[in-house]
Amino acid sequence: MVRVPPERGAGSRLELRLGNASANPYLLIAATLAAALLGILAREEPPAPLEGYGYDAARAEPLRAILSAALDALEADTALTETLGKDFTASYLTYKRDEVNRFQRHLNDWEFTEYAYHL
């Protein structure tokens, strides 16, 4: 979520309120600014301010919880990928998809505990 405090002039600012510790802070900021720029260029009206509990999934579409689905969503967003740069986006997608493939080749503790007794 992005918060726009009511102060104007020298106090005008955006606040990223839901940055995740697993996010690359540079990419988070770049993607947020790119999305804001795209909204401004398209003359989109921002949604009404969210009041109350901000984690209610019924009030907003949740972000992708699976990395491969998030990567697919990024690749499908051609406006965002062009704004971030095609070369950067292609490199990022390649790197992160390789990460997903490497992760999928390993067992986690739950899988081992759940299935090892069959061996």
PDB file of N, CA and C in Angstrom:
ATOM      1  N   MET A   1       0.832  -1.179   0.000  1.00  0.00           N
ATOM      2  CA  MET A   1       0.000   0.000   0.000  1.00  0.00           C
ATOM      3  C   MET A   1       0.876   1.241   0.000  1.00  0.00           C
ATOM      4  N   VAL A   2       0.395   2.247  -0.630  1.00  0.00           N
ATOM      5  CA  VAL A   2       1.081   3.527  -0.656  1.00  0.00           C
ATOM      6  C   VAL A   2       0.193   4.526   0.073  1.00  0.00           C
ATOM      7  N   ARG A   3       0.775   5.218   1.015  1.00  0.00           N
ATOM      8  CA  ARG A   3       0.045   6.248   1.762  1.00  0.00           C
ATOM      9  C   ARG A   3       0.519   7.604   1.270  1.00  0.00           C
ATOM     10  N   VAL A   4      -0.441   8.508   1.030  1.00  0.00           N
ATOM     11  CA  VAL A   4      -0.122   9.885   0.649  1.00  0.00           C
ATOM     12  C   VAL A   4      -0.579  10.772   1.801  1.00  0.00           C
ATOM     13  N   PRO A   5       0.349  11.184   2.664  1.00  0.00           N
ATOM     14  CA  PRO A   5      -0.036  12.044   3.782  1.00  0.00           C
ATOM     15  C   PRO A   5      -0.598  13.376   3.273  1.00  0.00           C
ATOM     16  N   PRO A   6      -1.410  14.049   4.093  1.00  0.00           N
ATOM     17  CA  PRO A   6      -2.082  15.268   3.624  1.00  0.00           C
ATOM     18  C   PRO A   6      -1.163  16.481   3.477  1.00  0.00           C
ATOM     19  N   GLU A   7       0.050  16.450   4.031  1.00  0.00           N
ATOM     20  CA  GLU A   7       0.945  17.605   3.930  1.00  0.00           C
ATOM     21  C   GLU A   7       1.301  17.885   2.481  1.00  0.00           C
ATOM     22  N   ARG A   8       1.394  19.155   2.139  1.00  0.00           N
ATOM     23  CA  ARG A   8       1.774  19.564   0.783  1.00  0.00           C
ATOM     24  C   ARG A   8       2.979  20.485   0.855  1.00  0.00           C
ATOM     25  N   GLY A   9       3.497  20.851  -0.288  1.00  0.00           N
ATOM     26  CA  GLY A   9       4.694  21.677  -0.333  1.00  0.00           C
ATOM     27  C   GLY A   9       5.918  20.832  -0.021  1.00  0.00           C
ATOM     28  N   ALA A  10       6.813  21.340   0.837  1.00  0.00           N
ATOM     29  CA  ALA A  10       8.038  20.622   1.172  1.00  0.00           C
ATOM     30  C   ALA A  10       7.749  19.312   1.897  1.00  0.00           C
ATOM     31  N   GLY A  11       6.564  19.184   2.490  1.00  0.00           N
ATOM     32  CA  GLY A  11       6.215  17.965   3.220  1.00  0.00           C
ATOM     33  C   GLY A  11       5.526  16.913   2.366  1.00  0.00           C
ATOM     34  N   SER A  12       5.313  17.185   1.068  1.00  0.00           N
ATOM     35  CA  SER A  12       4.647  16.208   0.196  1.00  0.00           C
ATOM     36  C   SER A  12       5.504  14.961   0.064  1.00  0.00           C
ATOM     37  N   ARG A  13       4.853  13.804   0.133  1.00  0.00           N
ATOM     38  CA  ARG A  13       5.607  12.566   0.017  1.00  0.00           C
ATOM     39  C   ARG A  13       4.671  11.379  -0.175  1.00  0.00           C
ATOM     40  N   LEU A  14       5.260  10.262  -0.601  1.00  0.00           N
ATOM     41  CA  LEU A  14       4.585   8.964  -0.638  1.00  0.00           C
ATOM     42  C   LEU A  14       5.247   8.108   0.426  1.00  0.00           C
ATOM     43  N   GLU A  15       4.455   7.243   1.059  1.00  0.00           N
ATOM     44  CA  GLU A  15       5.011   6.296   2.024  1.00  0.00           C
ATOM     45  C   GLU A  15       4.647   4.888   1.571  1.00  0.00           C
ATOM     46  N   LEU A  16       5.651   4.041   1.408  1.00  0.00           N
ATOM     47  CA  LEU A  16       5.399   2.630   1.137  1.00  0.00           C
ATOM     48  C   LEU A  16       5.126   1.970   2.476  1.00  0.00           C
ATOM     49  N   ARG A  17       3.899   1.468   2.651  1.00  0.00           N
ATOM     50  CA  ARG A  17       3.503   0.971   3.963  1.00  0.00           C
ATOM     51  C   ARG A  17       3.623  -0.540   4.110  1.00  0.00           C
ATOM     52  N   LEU A  18       3.727  -1.280   3.037  1.00  0.00           N
ATOM     53  CA  LEU A  18       3.751  -2.732   3.142  1.00  0.00           C
ATOM     54  C   LEU A  18       4.978  -3.344   2.480  1.00  0.00           C
ATOM     55  N   GLY A  19       6.099  -2.706   2.599  1.00  0.00           N
ATOM     56  CA  GLY A  19       7.314  -3.294   2.078  1.00  0.00           C
ATOM     57  C   GLY A  19       7.592  -4.591   2.832  1.00  0.00           C
ATOM     58  N   ASN A  20       8.070  -5.585   2.142  1.00  0.00           N
ATOM     59  CA  ASN A  20       8.301  -6.891   2.732  1.00  0.00           C
ATOM     60  C   ASN A  20       9.802  -7.080   2.912  1.00  0.00           C
ATOM     61  N   ALA A  21      10.196  -7.677   4.022  1.00  0.00           N
ATOM     62  CA  ALA A  21      11.622  -7.875   4.300  1.00  0.00           C
ATOM     63  C   ALA A  21      12.299  -8.762   3.258  1.00  0.00           C
ATOM     64  N   SER A  22      11.520  -9.563   2.537  1.00  0.00           N
ATOM     65  CA  SER A  22      12.124 -10.416   1.511  1.00  0.00           C
ATOM     66  C   SER A  22      12.275  -9.695   0.176  1.00  0.00           C
ATOM     67  N   ALA A  23      11.755  -8.494   0.078  1.00  0.00           N
ATOM     68  CA  ALA A  23      11.828  -7.744  -1.178  1.00  0.00           C
ATOM     69  C   ALA A  23      13.186  -7.061  -1.319  1.00  0.00           C
ATOM     70  N   ASN A  24      13.647  -6.957  -2.552  1.00  0.00           N
ATOM     71  CA  ASN A  24      14.820  -6.149  -2.852  1.00  0.00           C
ATOM     72  C   ASN A  24      14.369  -4.696  -2.732  1.00  0.00           C
ATOM     73  N   PRO A  25      14.927  -3.914  -1.787  1.00  0.00           N
ATOM     74  CA  PRO A  25      14.416  -2.553  -1.579  1.00  0.00           C
ATOM     75  C   PRO A  25      14.551  -1.654  -2.801  1.00  0.00           C
ATOM     76  N   TYR A  26      15.594  -1.851  -3.592  1.00  0.00           N
ATOM     77  CA  TYR A  26      15.789  -1.027  -4.781  1.00  0.00           C
ATOM     78  C   TYR A  26      14.745  -1.352  -5.842  1.00  0.00           C
ATOM     79  N   LEU A  27      14.478  -2.634  -6.025  1.00  0.00           N
ATOM     80  CA  LEU A  27      13.466  -3.053  -6.992  1.00  0.00           C
ATOM     81  C   LEU A  27      12.070  -2.644  -6.519  1.00  0.00           C
ATOM     82  N   LEU A  28      11.806  -2.752  -5.222  1.00  0.00           N
ATOM     83  CA  LEU A  28      10.512  -2.339  -4.666  1.00  0.00           C
ATOM     84  C   LEU A  28      10.243  -0.866  -4.956  1.00  0.00           C
ATOM     85  N   ILE A  29      11.226  -0.028  -4.700  1.00  0.00           N
ATOM     86  CA  ILE A  29      11.061   1.405  -4.938  1.00  0.00           C
ATOM     87  C   ILE A  29      10.929   1.693  -6.433  1.00  0.00           C
ATOM     88  N   ALA A  30      11.778   1.077  -7.250  1.00  0.00           N
ATOM     89  CA  ALA A  30      11.725   1.309  -8.700  1.00  0.00           C
ATOM     90  C   ALA A  30      10.384   0.883  -9.277  1.00  0.00           C
ATOM     91  N   ALA A  31       9.888  -0.294  -8.875  1.00  0.00           N
ATOM     92  CA  ALA A  31       8.613  -0.787  -9.409  1.00  0.00           C
ATOM     93  C   ALA A  31       7.445   0.074  -8.934  1.00  0.00           C
ATOM     94  N   THR A  32       7.491   0.534  -7.694  1.00  0.00           N
ATOM     95  CA  THR A  32       6.424   1.403  -7.182  1.00  0.00           C
ATOM     96  C   THR A  32       6.404   2.727  -7.938  1.00  0.00           C
ATOM     97  N   LEU A  33       7.573   3.313  -8.139  1.00  0.00           N
ATOM     98  CA  LEU A  33       7.638   4.579  -8.887  1.00  0.00           C
ATOM     99  C   LEU A  33       7.225   4.383 -10.344  1.00  0.00           C
ATOM    100  N   ALA A  34       7.621   3.261 -10.945  1.00  0.00           N
ATOM    101  CA  ALA A  34       7.220   2.970 -12.323  1.00  0.00           C
ATOM    102  C   ALA A  34       5.706   2.834 -12.419  1.00  0.00           C
ATOM    103  N   ALA A  35       5.100   2.123 -11.459  1.00  0.00           N
ATOM    104  CA  ALA A  35       3.646   1.958 -11.460  1.00  0.00           C
ATOM    105  C   ALA A  35       2.951   3.311 -11.264  1.00  0.00           C
ATOM    106  N   ALA A  36       3.492   4.145 -10.396  1.00  0.00           N
ATOM    107  CA  ALA A  36       2.914   5.478 -10.200  1.00  0.00           C
ATOM    108  C   ALA A  36       3.011   6.305 -11.481  1.00  0.00           C
ATOM    109  N   LEU A  37       4.169   6.267 -12.134  1.00  0.00           N
ATOM    110  CA  LEU A  37       4.349   6.994 -13.389  1.00  0.00           C
ATOM    111  C   LEU A  37       3.359   6.515 -14.447  1.00  0.00           C
ATOM    112  N   LEU A  38       3.197   5.204 -14.563  1.00  0.00           N
ATOM    113  CA  LEU A  38       2.245   4.665 -15.545  1.00  0.00           C
ATOM    114  C   LEU A  38       0.819   5.130 -15.236  1.00  0.00           C
ATOM    115  N   GLY A  39       0.459   5.166 -13.969  1.00  0.00           N
ATOM    116  CA  GLY A  39      -0.866   5.657 -13.588  1.00  0.00           C
ATOM    117  C   GLY A  39      -1.052   7.119 -13.932  1.00  0.00           C
ATOM    118  N   ILE A  40      -0.021   7.921 -13.706  1.00  0.00           N
ATOM    119  CA  ILE A  40      -0.091   9.349 -14.032  1.00  0.00           C
ATOM    120  C   ILE A  40      -0.209   9.548 -15.551  1.00  0.00           C
ATOM    121  N   LEU A  41       0.632   8.845 -16.304  1.00  0.00           N
ATOM    122  CA  LEU A  41       0.597   8.975 -17.764  1.00  0.00           C
ATOM    123  C   LEU A  41      -0.746   8.532 -18.349  1.00  0.00           C
ATOM    124  N   ALA A  42      -1.370   7.529 -17.729  1.00  0.00           N
ATOM    125  CA  ALA A  42      -2.674   7.043 -18.199  1.00  0.00           C
ATOM    126  C   ALA A  42      -3.836   7.869 -17.626  1.00  0.00           C
ATOM    127  N   ARG A  43      -3.494   8.858 -16.807  1.00  0.00           N
ATOM    128  CA  ARG A  43      -4.492   9.722 -16.164  1.00  0.00           C
ATOM    129  C   ARG A  43      -5.523   8.909 -15.367  1.00  0.00           C
ATOM    130  N   GLU A  44      -5.024   7.853 -14.730  1.00  0.00           N
ATOM    131  CA  GLU A  44      -5.902   7.020 -13.911  1.00  0.00           C
ATOM    132  C   GLU A  44      -6.191   7.716 -12.590  1.00  0.00           C
ATOM    133  N   GLU A  45      -7.407   7.553 -12.133  1.00  0.00           N
ATOM    134  CA  GLU A  45      -7.779   8.077 -10.826  1.00  0.00           C
ATOM    135  C   GLU A  45      -7.418   7.038  -9.776  1.00  0.00           C
ATOM    136  N   PRO A  46      -6.777   7.456  -8.700  1.00  0.00           N
ATOM    137  CA  PRO A  46      -6.477   6.474  -7.658  1.00  0.00           C
ATOM    138  C   PRO A  46      -7.766   5.995  -6.997  1.00  0.00           C
ATOM    139  N   PRO A  47      -7.739   4.786  -6.441  1.00  0.00           N
ATOM    140  CA  PRO A  47      -8.936   4.305  -5.761  1.00  0.00           C
ATOM    141  C   PRO A  47      -9.211   5.139  -4.515  1.00  0.00           C
ATOM    142  N   ALA A  48     -10.403   4.989  -3.990  1.00  0.00           N
ATOM    143  CA  ALA A  48     -10.756   5.701  -2.754  1.00  0.00           C
ATOM    144  C   ALA A  48      -9.815   5.255  -1.643  1.00  0.00           C
ATOM    145  N   PRO A  49      -9.520   6.147  -0.713  1.00  0.00           N
ATOM    146  CA  PRO A  49      -8.642   5.755   0.396  1.00  0.00           C
ATOM    147  C   PRO A  49      -9.215   4.559   1.160  1.00  0.00           C
ATOM    148  N   LEU A  50      -8.327   3.677   1.555  1.00  0.00           N
ATOM    149  CA  LEU A  50      -8.725   2.517   2.337  1.00  0.00           C
ATOM    150  C   LEU A  50      -8.768   2.923   3.801  1.00  0.00           C
ATOM    151  N   GLU A  51      -9.888   2.663   4.427  1.00  0.00           N
ATOM    152  CA  GLU A  51     -10.017   2.965   5.851  1.00  0.00           C
ATOM    153  C   GLU A  51     -10.258   1.668   6.597  1.00  0.00           C
ATOM    154  N   GLY A  52      -9.730   1.590   7.793  1.00  0.00           N
ATOM    155  CA  GLY A  52      -9.924   0.393   8.591  1.00  0.00           C
ATOM    156  C   GLY A  52      -8.795  -0.592   8.394  1.00  0.00           C
ATOM    157  N   TYR A  53      -9.106  -1.856   8.566  1.00  0.00           N
ATOM    158  CA  TYR A  53      -8.118  -2.928   8.522  1.00  0.00           C
ATOM    159  C   TYR A  53      -7.595  -3.105   7.099  1.00  0.00           C
ATOM    160  N   GLY A  54      -6.317  -2.865   6.897  1.00  0.00           N
ATOM    161  CA  GLY A  54      -5.731  -2.881   5.567  1.00  0.00           C
ATOM    162  C   GLY A  54      -5.369  -4.247   5.026  1.00  0.00           C
ATOM    163  N   TYR A  55      -5.533  -5.286   5.838  1.00  0.00           N
ATOM    164  CA  TYR A  55      -5.152  -6.626   5.392  1.00  0.00           C
ATOM    165  C   TYR A  55      -6.358  -7.476   5.014  1.00  0.00           C
ATOM    166  N   ASP A  56      -7.514  -6.865   4.841  1.00  0.00           N
ATOM    167  CA  ASP A  56      -8.731  -7.593   4.483  1.00  0.00           C
ATOM    168  C   ASP A  56      -8.670  -7.955   2.997  1.00  0.00           C
ATOM    169  N   ALA A  57      -8.512  -9.248   2.713  1.00  0.00           N
ATOM    170  CA  ALA A  57      -8.355  -9.714   1.326  1.00  0.00           C
ATOM    171  C   ALA A  57      -9.593  -9.446   0.476  1.00  0.00           C
ATOM    172  N   ALA A  58     -10.741  -9.255   1.100  1.00  0.00           N
ATOM    173  CA  ALA A  58     -11.957  -8.990   0.335  1.00  0.00           C
ATOM    174  C   ALA A  58     -11.963  -7.567  -0.227  1.00  0.00           C
ATOM    175  N   ARG A  59     -11.107  -6.704   0.276  1.00  0.00           N
ATOM    176  CA  ARG A  59     -11.092  -5.307  -0.145  1.00  0.00           C
ATOM    177  C   ARG A  59     -10.098  -5.026  -1.266  1.00  0.00           C
ATOM    178  N   ALA A  60      -9.177  -5.932  -1.482  1.00  0.00           N
ATOM    179  CA  ALA A  60      -8.180  -5.732  -2.540  1.00  0.00           C
ATOM    180  C   ALA A  60      -7.657  -7.095  -2.967  1.00  0.00           C
ATOM    181  N   GLU A  61      -7.276  -7.190  -4.233  1.00  0.00           N
ATOM    182  CA  GLU A  61      -6.727  -8.446  -4.743  1.00  0.00           C
ATOM    183  C   GLU A  61      -5.389  -8.728  -4.060  1.00  0.00           C
ATOM    184  N   PRO A  62      -5.234  -9.918  -3.491  1.00  0.00           N
ATOM    185  CA  PRO A  62      -3.948 -10.227  -2.853  1.00  0.00           C
ATOM    186  C   PRO A  62      -2.842 -10.379  -3.891  1.00  0.00           C
ATOM    187  N   LEU A  63      -1.623 -10.101  -3.462  1.00  0.00           N
ATOM    188  CA  LEU A  63      -0.473 -10.305  -4.330  1.00  0.00           C
ATOM    189  C   LEU A  63      -0.249 -11.794  -4.522  1.00  0.00           C
ATOM    190  N   ARG A  64       0.458 -12.146  -5.569  1.00  0.00           N
ATOM    191  CA  ARG A  64       0.741 -13.549  -5.843  1.00  0.00           C
ATOM    192  C   ARG A  64       1.575 -14.124  -4.706  1.00  0.00           C
ATOM    193  N   ALA A  65       1.185 -15.266  -4.188  1.00  0.00           N
ATOM    194  CA  ALA A  65       1.892 -15.895  -3.072  1.00  0.00           C
ATOM    195  C   ALA A  65       2.942 -16.887  -3.548  1.00  0.00           C
ATOM    196  N   ILE A  66       2.929 -17.234  -4.814  1.00  0.00           N
ATOM    197  CA  ILE A  66       3.875 -18.191  -5.375  1.00  0.00           C
ATOM    198  C   ILE A  66       4.778 -17.438  -6.351  1.00  0.00           C
ATOM    199  N   LEU A  67       6.087 -17.576  -6.161  1.00  0.00           N
ATOM    200  CA  LEU A  67       7.036 -16.800  -6.961  1.00  0.00           C
ATOM    201  C   LEU A  67       6.833 -16.986  -8.450  1.00  0.00           C
ATOM    202  N   SER A  68       6.626 -18.212  -8.915  1.00  0.00           N
ATOM    203  CA  SER A  68       6.465 -18.418 -10.359  1.00  0.00           C
ATOM    204  C   SER A  68       5.237 -17.676 -10.890  1.00  0.00           C
ATOM    205  N   ALA A  69       4.160 -17.616 -10.120  1.00  0.00           N
ATOM    206  CA  ALA A  69       2.967 -16.869 -10.540  1.00  0.00           C
ATOM    207  C   ALA A  69       3.242 -15.368 -10.562  1.00  0.00           C
ATOM    208  N   ALA A  70       4.019 -14.890  -9.602  1.00  0.00           N
ATOM    209  CA  ALA A  70       4.384 -13.467  -9.579  1.00  0.00           C
ATOM    210  C   ALA A  70       5.255 -13.117 -10.785  1.00  0.00           C
ATOM    211  N   LEU A  71       6.155 -14.001 -11.140  1.00  0.00           N
ATOM    212  CA  LEU A  71       7.009 -13.764 -12.310  1.00  0.00           C
ATOM    213  C   LEU A  71       6.188 -13.742 -13.591  1.00  0.00           C
ATOM    214  N   ASP A  72       5.218 -14.649 -13.692  1.00  0.00           N
ATOM    215  CA  ASP A  72       4.327 -14.649 -14.859  1.00  0.00           C
ATOM    216  C   ASP A  72       3.540 -13.343 -14.941  1.00  0.00           C
ATOM    217  N   ALA A  73       3.076 -12.852 -13.789  1.00  0.00           N
ATOM    218  CA  ALA A  73       2.323 -11.593 -13.767  1.00  0.00           C
ATOM    219  C   ALA A  73       3.209 -10.422 -14.180  1.00  0.00           C
ATOM    220  N   LEU A  74       4.449 -10.417 -13.719  1.00  0.00           N
ATOM    221  CA  LEU A  74       5.385  -9.366 -14.132  1.00  0.00           C
ATOM    222  C   LEU A  74       5.614  -9.409 -15.632  1.00  0.00           C
ATOM    223  N   GLU A  75       5.868 -10.583 -16.166  1.00  0.00           N
ATOM    224  CA  GLU A  75       6.128 -10.713 -17.605  1.00  0.00           C
ATOM    225  C   GLU A  75       4.922 -10.272 -18.433  1.00  0.00           C
ATOM    226  N   ALA A  76       3.719 -10.533 -17.934  1.00  0.00           N
ATOM    227  CA  ALA A  76       2.504 -10.178 -18.667  1.00  0.00           C
ATOM    228  C   ALA A  76       2.226  -8.683 -18.639  1.00  0.00           C
ATOM    229  N   ASP A  77       2.805  -7.961 -17.685  1.00  0.00           N
ATOM    230  CA  ASP A  77       2.577  -6.523 -17.572  1.00  0.00           C
ATOM    231  C   ASP A  77       3.581  -5.788 -18.455  1.00  0.00           C
ATOM    232  N   THR A  78       3.260  -5.702 -19.741  1.00  0.00           N
ATOM    233  CA  THR A  78       4.213  -5.142 -20.706  1.00  0.00           C
ATOM    234  C   THR A  78       4.515  -3.667 -20.446  1.00  0.00           C
ATOM    235  N   ALA A  79       3.539  -2.923 -19.960  1.00  0.00           N
ATOM    236  CA  ALA A  79       3.802  -1.512 -19.667  1.00  0.00           C
ATOM    237  C   ALA A  79       4.834  -1.379 -18.556  1.00  0.00           C
ATOM    238  N   LEU A  80       4.699  -2.174 -17.511  1.00  0.00           N
ATOM    239  CA  LEU A  80       5.654  -2.104 -16.404  1.00  0.00           C
ATOM    240  C   LEU A  80       7.024  -2.608 -16.831  1.00  0.00           C
ATOM    241  N   THR A  81       7.060  -3.710 -17.583  1.00  0.00           N
ATOM    242  CA  THR A  81       8.361  -4.249 -17.999  1.00  0.00           C
ATOM    243  C   THR A  81       9.082  -3.281 -18.934  1.00  0.00           C
ATOM    244  N   GLU A  82       8.344  -2.567 -19.777  1.00  0.00           N
ATOM    245  CA  GLU A  82       8.984  -1.577 -20.646  1.00  0.00           C
ATOM    246  C   GLU A  82       9.501  -0.390 -19.840  1.00  0.00           C
ATOM    247  N   THR A  83       8.749  -0.001 -18.813  1.00  0.00           N
ATOM    248  CA  THR A  83       9.170   1.123 -17.978  1.00  0.00           C
ATOM    249  C   THR A  83      10.408   0.762 -17.164  1.00  0.00           C
ATOM    250  N   LEU A  84      10.443  -0.458 -16.638  1.00  0.00           N
ATOM    251  CA  LEU A  84      11.621  -0.900 -15.883  1.00  0.00           C
ATOM    252  C   LEU A  84      12.801  -1.182 -16.796  1.00  0.00           C
ATOM    253  N   GLY A  85      12.520  -1.439 -18.062  1.00  0.00           N
ATOM    254  CA  GLY A  85      13.567  -1.734 -19.041  1.00  0.00           C
ATOM    255  C   GLY A  85      13.496  -3.190 -19.446  1.00  0.00           C
ATOM    256  N   LYS A  86      13.407  -3.410 -20.752  1.00  0.00           N
ATOM    257  CA  LYS A  86      13.270  -4.778 -21.262  1.00  0.00           C
ATOM    258  C   LYS A  86      14.476  -5.637 -20.904  1.00  0.00           C
ATOM    259  N   ASP A  87      15.686  -5.097 -21.015  1.00  0.00           N
ATOM    260  CA  ASP A  87      16.883  -5.884 -20.706  1.00  0.00           C
ATOM    261  C   ASP A  87      16.917  -6.266 -19.231  1.00  0.00           C
ATOM    262  N   PHE A  88      16.628  -5.287 -18.359  1.00  0.00           N
ATOM    263  CA  PHE A  88      16.613  -5.581 -16.932  1.00  0.00           C
ATOM    264  C   PHE A  88      15.557  -6.639 -16.615  1.00  0.00           C
ATOM    265  N   THR A  89      14.350  -6.446 -17.134  1.00  0.00           N
ATOM    266  CA  THR A  89      13.257  -7.362 -16.832  1.00  0.00           C
ATOM    267  C   THR A  89      13.570  -8.771 -17.331  1.00  0.00           C
ATOM    268  N   ALA A  90      14.100  -8.894 -18.529  1.00  0.00           N
ATOM    269  CA  ALA A  90      14.446 -10.217 -19.060  1.00  0.00           C
ATOM    270  C   ALA A  90      15.499 -10.885 -18.186  1.00  0.00           C
ATOM    271  N   SER A  91      16.507 -10.136 -17.768  1.00  0.00           N
ATOM    272  CA  SER A  91      17.553 -10.698 -16.903  1.00  0.00           C
ATOM    273  C   SER A  91      16.971 -11.106 -15.550  1.00  0.00           C
ATOM    274  N   TYR A  92      16.146 -10.253 -14.983  1.00  0.00           N
ATOM    275  CA  TYR A  92      15.539 -10.542 -13.678  1.00  0.00           C
ATOM    276  C   TYR A  92      14.668 -11.789 -13.753  1.00  0.00           C
ATOM    277  N   LEU A  93      13.830 -11.870 -14.786  1.00  0.00           N
ATOM    278  CA  LEU A  93      12.958 -13.034 -14.933  1.00  0.00           C
ATOM    279  C   LEU A  93      13.775 -14.316 -15.118  1.00  0.00           C
ATOM    280  N   THR A  94      14.829 -14.262 -15.894  1.00  0.00           N
ATOM    281  CA  THR A  94      15.682 -15.436 -16.093  1.00  0.00           C
ATOM    282  C   THR A  94      16.312 -15.869 -14.782  1.00  0.00           C
ATOM    283  N   TYR A  95      16.860 -14.929 -14.050  1.00  0.00           N
ATOM    284  CA  TYR A  95      17.512 -15.239 -12.773  1.00  0.00           C
ATOM    285  C   TYR A  95      16.520 -15.837 -11.777  1.00  0.00           C
ATOM    286  N   LYS A  96      15.358 -15.210 -11.624  1.00  0.00           N
ATOM    287  CA  LYS A  96      14.389 -15.672 -10.630  1.00  0.00           C
ATOM    288  C   LYS A  96      13.736 -16.991 -11.032  1.00  0.00           C
ATOM    289  N   ARG A  97      13.544 -17.230 -12.331  1.00  0.00           N
ATOM    290  CA  ARG A  97      12.995 -18.520 -12.764  1.00  0.00           C
ATOM    291  C   ARG A  97      14.014 -19.645 -12.518  1.00  0.00           C
ATOM    292  N   ASP A  98      15.283 -19.335 -12.684  1.00  0.00           N
ATOM    293  CA  ASP A  98      16.313 -20.310 -12.347  1.00  0.00           C
ATOM    294  C   ASP A  98      16.291 -20.592 -10.843  1.00  0.00           C
ATOM    295  N   GLU A  99      16.070 -19.581 -10.046  1.00  0.00           N
ATOM    296  CA  GLU A  99      15.956 -19.761  -8.596  1.00  0.00           C
ATOM    297  C   GLU A  99      14.796 -20.700  -8.253  1.00  0.00           C
ATOM    298  N   VAL A 100      13.652 -20.510  -8.898  1.00  0.00           N
ATOM    299  CA  VAL A 100      12.493 -21.385  -8.683  1.00  0.00           C
ATOM    300  C   VAL A 100      12.853 -22.825  -9.057  1.00  0.00           C
ATOM    301  N   ASN A 101      13.491 -23.014 -10.194  1.00  0.00           N
ATOM    302  CA  ASN A 101      13.883 -24.362 -10.638  1.00  0.00           C
ATOM    303  C   ASN A 101      14.851 -25.017  -9.659  1.00  0.00           C
ATOM    304  N   ARG A 102      15.820 -24.257  -9.154  1.00  0.00           N
ATOM    305  CA  ARG A 102      16.765 -24.814  -8.188  1.00  0.00           C
ATOM    306  C   ARG A 102      16.057 -25.177  -6.891  1.00  0.00           C
ATOM    307  N   PHE A 103      15.139 -24.347  -6.444  1.00  0.00           N
ATOM    308  CA  PHE A 103      14.389 -24.625  -5.213  1.00  0.00           C
ATOM    309  C   PHE A 103      13.562 -25.902  -5.351  1.00  0.00           C
ATOM    310  N   GLN A 104      12.948 -26.084  -6.494  1.00  0.00           N
ATOM    311  CA  GLN A 104      12.071 -27.233  -6.694  1.00  0.00           C
ATOM    312  C   GLN A 104      12.823 -28.563  -6.744  1.00  0.00           C
ATOM    313  N   ARG A 105      14.140 -28.525  -6.880  1.00  0.00           N
ATOM    314  CA  ARG A 105      14.931 -29.754  -6.907  1.00  0.00           C
ATOM    315  C   ARG A 105      15.295 -30.260  -5.511  1.00  0.00           C
ATOM    316  N   HIS A 106      14.875 -29.553  -4.458  1.00  0.00           N
ATOM    317  CA  HIS A 106      15.253 -29.916  -3.097  1.00  0.00           C
ATOM    318  C   HIS A 106      14.033 -30.248  -2.255  1.00  0.00           C
ATOM    319  N   LEU A 107      14.239 -31.164  -1.317  1.00  0.00           N
ATOM    320  CA  LEU A 107      13.192 -31.491  -0.354  1.00  0.00           C
ATOM    321  C   LEU A 107      13.278 -30.536   0.826  1.00  0.00           C
ATOM    322  N   ASN A 108      12.125 -30.163   1.355  1.00  0.00           N
ATOM    323  CA  ASN A 108      12.152 -29.392   2.592  1.00  0.00           C
ATOM    324  C   ASN A 108      11.906 -30.345   3.765  1.00  0.00           C
ATOM    325  N   ASP A 109      12.036 -29.850   4.975  1.00  0.00           N
ATOM    326  CA  ASP A 109      11.896 -30.699   6.164  1.00  0.00           C
ATOM    327  C   ASP A 109      10.531 -31.368   6.234  1.00  0.00           C
ATOM    328  N   TRP A 110       9.477 -30.628   5.904  1.00  0.00           N
ATOM    329  CA  TRP A 110       8.129 -31.205   5.971  1.00  0.00           C
ATOM    330  C   TRP A 110       8.004 -32.381   4.993  1.00  0.00           C
ATOM    331  N   GLU A 111       8.464 -32.196   3.773  1.00  0.00           N
ATOM    332  CA  GLU A 111       8.371 -33.267   2.780  1.00  0.00           C
ATOM    333  C   GLU A 111       9.130 -34.510   3.247  1.00  0.00           C
ATOM    334  N   PHE A 112      10.312 -34.319   3.790  1.00  0.00           N
ATOM    335  CA  PHE A 112      11.091 -35.455   4.254  1.00  0.00           C
ATOM    336  C   PHE A 112      10.368 -36.173   5.388  1.00  0.00           C
ATOM    337  N   THR A 113       9.876 -35.422   6.372  1.00  0.00           N
ATOM    338  CA  THR A 113       9.162 -36.019   7.502  1.00  0.00           C
ATOM    339  C   THR A 113       7.897 -36.724   7.048  1.00  0.00           C
ATOM    340  N   GLU A 114       7.196 -36.131   6.129  1.00  0.00           N
ATOM    341  CA  GLU A 114       5.923 -36.680   5.659  1.00  0.00           C
ATOM    342  C   GLU A 114       6.086 -37.970   4.848  1.00  0.00           C
ATOM    343  N   TYR A 115       7.118 -38.023   4.024  1.00  0.00           N
ATOM    344  CA  TYR A 115       7.228 -39.128   3.068  1.00  0.00           C
ATOM    345  C   TYR A 115       8.374 -40.099   3.324  1.00  0.00           C
ATOM    346  N   ALA A 116       9.325 -39.793   4.173  1.00  0.00           N
ATOM    347  CA  ALA A 116      10.507 -40.624   4.353  1.00  0.00           C
ATOM    348  C   ALA A 116      10.174 -41.999   4.909  1.00  0.00           C
ATOM    349  N   TYR A 117       9.115 -42.120   5.694  1.00  0.00           N
ATOM    350  CA  TYR A 117       8.792 -43.433   6.277  1.00  0.00           C
ATOM    351  C   TYR A 117       8.408 -44.446   5.205  1.00  0.00           C
ATOM    352  N   HIS A 118       8.088 -43.986   3.987  1.00  0.00           N
ATOM    353  CA  HIS A 118       7.760 -44.907   2.892  1.00  0.00           C
ATOM    354  C   HIS A 118       9.001 -45.557   2.300  1.00  0.00           C
ATOM    355  N   LEU A 119      10.146 -45.018   2.575  1.00  0.00           N
ATOM    356  CA  LEU A 119      11.388 -45.529   1.962  1.00  0.00           C
ATOM    357  C   LEU A 119      11.828 -46.835   2.563  1.00  0.00           C
TER     358      LEU A 119
END
